[in-house]
Amino acid sequence: MLELAEHLQAVRPLVDEFARAHGFELVDPRSLGRYPRIRIARADQPQIWFELWMGLDEHGRRYERFRRD
């Protein structure tokens, strides 16, 4: 999962720029569980959030290894 966390840090500047431009705030990733992800949220009505994370494999399990491809 370290590889996924590193990839998320690589795209983080793009997410941060979008968040600033559109009034979103970064959600503390420690509150989202152990699986690496980025979530930004806006508390307006309706509440809106975007989350960048990796889906499940063909067996419905979380990936334990990440490759950029």
N, C-alpha and C. Protein backbone atom coordinates (compact mmCIF):
# COMPACT_ATOMS: atom_id res chain seq x y z
N MET A 1 0.81 -1.19 0.00
CA MET A 1 0.00 0.00 0.00
C MET A 1 0.86 1.26 0.00
N LEU A 2 2.12 1.11 0.33
CA LEU A 2 3.01 2.25 0.32
C LEU A 2 3.05 2.88 -1.08
N GLU A 3 3.04 2.03 -2.12
CA GLU A 3 3.08 2.54 -3.49
C GLU A 3 1.85 3.40 -3.79
N LEU A 4 0.67 2.98 -3.33
CA LEU A 4 -0.54 3.77 -3.55
C LEU A 4 -0.45 5.09 -2.80
N ALA A 5 0.02 5.05 -1.57
CA ALA A 5 0.17 6.29 -0.79
C ALA A 5 1.11 7.26 -1.50
N GLU A 6 2.19 6.75 -2.07
CA GLU A 6 3.14 7.60 -2.81
C GLU A 6 2.47 8.19 -4.05
N HIS A 7 1.68 7.41 -4.75
CA HIS A 7 0.98 7.91 -5.94
C HIS A 7 -0.02 9.00 -5.55
N LEU A 8 -0.74 8.79 -4.46
CA LEU A 8 -1.69 9.80 -4.02
C LEU A 8 -0.98 11.11 -3.68
N GLN A 9 0.20 11.03 -3.10
CA GLN A 9 0.96 12.25 -2.81
C GLN A 9 1.40 12.95 -4.10
N ALA A 10 1.65 12.16 -5.15
CA ALA A 10 2.05 12.75 -6.43
C ALA A 10 0.92 13.55 -7.06
N VAL A 11 -0.33 13.11 -6.88
CA VAL A 11 -1.47 13.83 -7.47
C VAL A 11 -2.07 14.85 -6.50
N ARG A 12 -1.61 14.87 -5.28
CA ARG A 12 -2.16 15.77 -4.26
C ARG A 12 -2.14 17.24 -4.66
N PRO A 13 -1.08 17.77 -5.29
CA PRO A 13 -1.12 19.18 -5.70
C PRO A 13 -2.29 19.51 -6.63
N LEU A 14 -2.65 18.60 -7.51
CA LEU A 14 -3.79 18.83 -8.41
C LEU A 14 -5.09 18.87 -7.62
N VAL A 15 -5.24 17.96 -6.67
CA VAL A 15 -6.44 17.92 -5.83
C VAL A 15 -6.52 19.18 -4.98
N ASP A 16 -5.39 19.59 -4.41
CA ASP A 16 -5.37 20.80 -3.57
C ASP A 16 -5.76 22.04 -4.38
N GLU A 17 -5.26 22.14 -5.59
CA GLU A 17 -5.59 23.29 -6.45
C GLU A 17 -7.09 23.32 -6.75
N PHE A 18 -7.66 22.18 -7.10
CA PHE A 18 -9.09 22.09 -7.37
C PHE A 18 -9.88 22.47 -6.11
N ALA A 19 -9.47 21.95 -4.96
CA ALA A 19 -10.17 22.22 -3.71
C ALA A 19 -10.19 23.72 -3.41
N ARG A 20 -9.05 24.37 -3.53
CA ARG A 20 -8.97 25.82 -3.27
C ARG A 20 -9.87 26.60 -4.23
N ALA A 21 -9.85 26.22 -5.49
CA ALA A 21 -10.61 26.95 -6.51
C ALA A 21 -12.12 26.81 -6.33
N HIS A 22 -12.56 25.72 -5.68
CA HIS A 22 -13.99 25.44 -5.61
C HIS A 22 -14.55 25.32 -4.20
N GLY A 23 -13.78 25.78 -3.21
CA GLY A 23 -14.28 25.84 -1.84
C GLY A 23 -14.36 24.51 -1.11
N PHE A 24 -13.53 23.56 -1.48
CA PHE A 24 -13.48 22.27 -0.79
C PHE A 24 -12.37 22.28 0.25
N GLU A 25 -12.50 21.40 1.23
CA GLU A 25 -11.45 21.22 2.23
C GLU A 25 -11.04 19.77 2.25
N LEU A 26 -9.76 19.53 2.55
CA LEU A 26 -9.25 18.18 2.67
C LEU A 26 -9.80 17.52 3.93
N VAL A 27 -10.29 16.31 3.80
CA VAL A 27 -10.74 15.52 4.95
C VAL A 27 -9.53 14.77 5.48
N ASP A 28 -9.35 14.79 6.80
CA ASP A 28 -8.21 14.12 7.42
C ASP A 28 -8.21 12.65 7.02
N PRO A 29 -7.19 12.19 6.30
CA PRO A 29 -7.18 10.80 5.83
C PRO A 29 -7.18 9.78 6.97
N ARG A 30 -6.74 10.16 8.16
CA ARG A 30 -6.76 9.22 9.29
C ARG A 30 -8.19 8.89 9.70
N SER A 31 -9.14 9.74 9.36
CA SER A 31 -10.54 9.47 9.71
C SER A 31 -11.23 8.58 8.68
N LEU A 32 -10.52 8.22 7.61
CA LEU A 32 -11.12 7.46 6.52
C LEU A 32 -10.75 5.98 6.53
N GLY A 33 -9.99 5.54 7.51
CA GLY A 33 -9.58 4.14 7.59
C GLY A 33 -8.13 3.95 7.21
N ARG A 34 -7.73 2.69 7.15
CA ARG A 34 -6.31 2.39 6.92
C ARG A 34 -5.92 2.40 5.45
N TYR A 35 -6.89 2.30 4.55
CA TYR A 35 -6.60 2.23 3.12
C TYR A 35 -6.29 3.63 2.60
N PRO A 36 -5.17 3.83 1.89
CA PRO A 36 -4.80 5.17 1.42
C PRO A 36 -5.86 5.77 0.50
N ARG A 37 -6.19 7.02 0.73
CA ARG A 37 -7.15 7.72 -0.12
C ARG A 37 -7.05 9.22 0.13
N ILE A 38 -7.60 9.99 -0.78
CA ILE A 38 -7.72 11.44 -0.62
C ILE A 38 -9.20 11.76 -0.75
N ARG A 39 -9.74 12.52 0.19
CA ARG A 39 -11.13 12.98 0.09
C ARG A 39 -11.15 14.47 0.37
N ILE A 40 -11.85 15.20 -0.48
CA ILE A 40 -12.13 16.61 -0.23
C ILE A 40 -13.64 16.76 -0.11
N ALA A 41 -14.08 17.70 0.71
CA ALA A 41 -15.53 17.85 0.94
C ALA A 41 -15.89 19.32 1.01
N ARG A 42 -17.14 19.60 0.67
CA ARG A 42 -17.71 20.94 0.80
C ARG A 42 -19.01 20.78 1.57
N ALA A 43 -19.17 21.54 2.63
CA ALA A 43 -20.28 21.34 3.56
C ALA A 43 -21.58 22.04 3.14
N ASP A 44 -21.65 22.53 1.93
CA ASP A 44 -22.89 23.17 1.46
C ASP A 44 -24.03 22.16 1.46
N GLN A 45 -25.22 22.66 1.17
CA GLN A 45 -26.36 21.77 0.98
C GLN A 45 -26.63 21.68 -0.52
N PRO A 46 -26.60 20.54 -1.14
CA PRO A 46 -26.26 19.26 -0.54
C PRO A 46 -24.75 19.16 -0.31
N GLN A 47 -24.37 18.33 0.64
CA GLN A 47 -22.94 18.12 0.90
C GLN A 47 -22.33 17.38 -0.28
N ILE A 48 -21.17 17.82 -0.69
CA ILE A 48 -20.50 17.25 -1.86
C ILE A 48 -19.10 16.80 -1.44
N TRP A 49 -18.68 15.63 -1.91
CA TRP A 49 -17.28 15.24 -1.70
C TRP A 49 -16.77 14.47 -2.90
N PHE A 50 -15.47 14.53 -3.07
CA PHE A 50 -14.77 13.76 -4.08
C PHE A 50 -13.74 12.91 -3.35
N GLU A 51 -13.60 11.69 -3.80
CA GLU A 51 -12.68 10.79 -3.14
C GLU A 51 -11.86 10.07 -4.19
N LEU A 52 -10.55 10.03 -3.97
CA LEU A 52 -9.64 9.30 -4.85
C LEU A 52 -9.12 8.11 -4.08
N TRP A 53 -9.49 6.91 -4.56
CA TRP A 53 -9.06 5.69 -3.90
C TRP A 53 -9.07 4.58 -4.93
N MET A 54 -8.56 3.42 -4.58
CA MET A 54 -8.51 2.31 -5.51
C MET A 54 -9.64 1.35 -5.19
N GLY A 55 -10.32 0.88 -6.22
CA GLY A 55 -11.43 -0.04 -6.05
C GLY A 55 -10.99 -1.43 -5.61
N LEU A 56 -11.90 -2.36 -5.68
CA LEU A 56 -11.65 -3.73 -5.26
C LEU A 56 -11.22 -4.59 -6.44
N ASP A 57 -10.55 -5.70 -6.14
CA ASP A 57 -10.14 -6.61 -7.21
C ASP A 57 -11.33 -7.46 -7.68
N GLU A 58 -11.07 -8.36 -8.61
CA GLU A 58 -12.15 -9.16 -9.19
C GLU A 58 -12.81 -10.11 -8.18
N HIS A 59 -12.18 -10.27 -7.00
CA HIS A 59 -12.74 -11.13 -5.95
C HIS A 59 -13.41 -10.30 -4.85
N GLY A 60 -13.51 -8.99 -5.06
CA GLY A 60 -14.13 -8.13 -4.07
C GLY A 60 -13.25 -7.79 -2.88
N ARG A 61 -11.94 -8.01 -3.02
CA ARG A 61 -11.00 -7.70 -1.94
C ARG A 61 -10.20 -6.46 -2.28
N ARG A 62 -9.71 -5.83 -1.25
CA ARG A 62 -8.86 -4.66 -1.46
C ARG A 62 -7.51 -5.07 -2.01
N TYR A 63 -6.97 -4.26 -2.89
CA TYR A 63 -5.63 -4.50 -3.40
C TYR A 63 -4.62 -4.27 -2.27
N GLU A 64 -3.61 -5.07 -2.23
CA GLU A 64 -2.54 -4.90 -1.26
C GLU A 64 -1.28 -4.36 -1.90
N ARG A 65 -1.23 -4.40 -3.24
CA ARG A 65 -0.08 -3.86 -3.97
C ARG A 65 -0.62 -2.94 -5.07
N PHE A 66 0.13 -1.90 -5.38
CA PHE A 66 -0.29 -0.92 -6.37
C PHE A 66 0.83 -0.72 -7.38
N ARG A 67 0.46 -0.65 -8.66
CA ARG A 67 1.41 -0.30 -9.71
C ARG A 67 0.78 0.85 -10.50
N ARG A 68 1.60 1.77 -10.95
CA ARG A 68 1.08 2.92 -11.69
C ARG A 68 0.30 2.54 -12.94
N ASP A 69 0.63 1.39 -13.54
CA ASP A 69 -0.07 0.98 -14.77
C ASP A 69 -1.39 0.30 -14.45
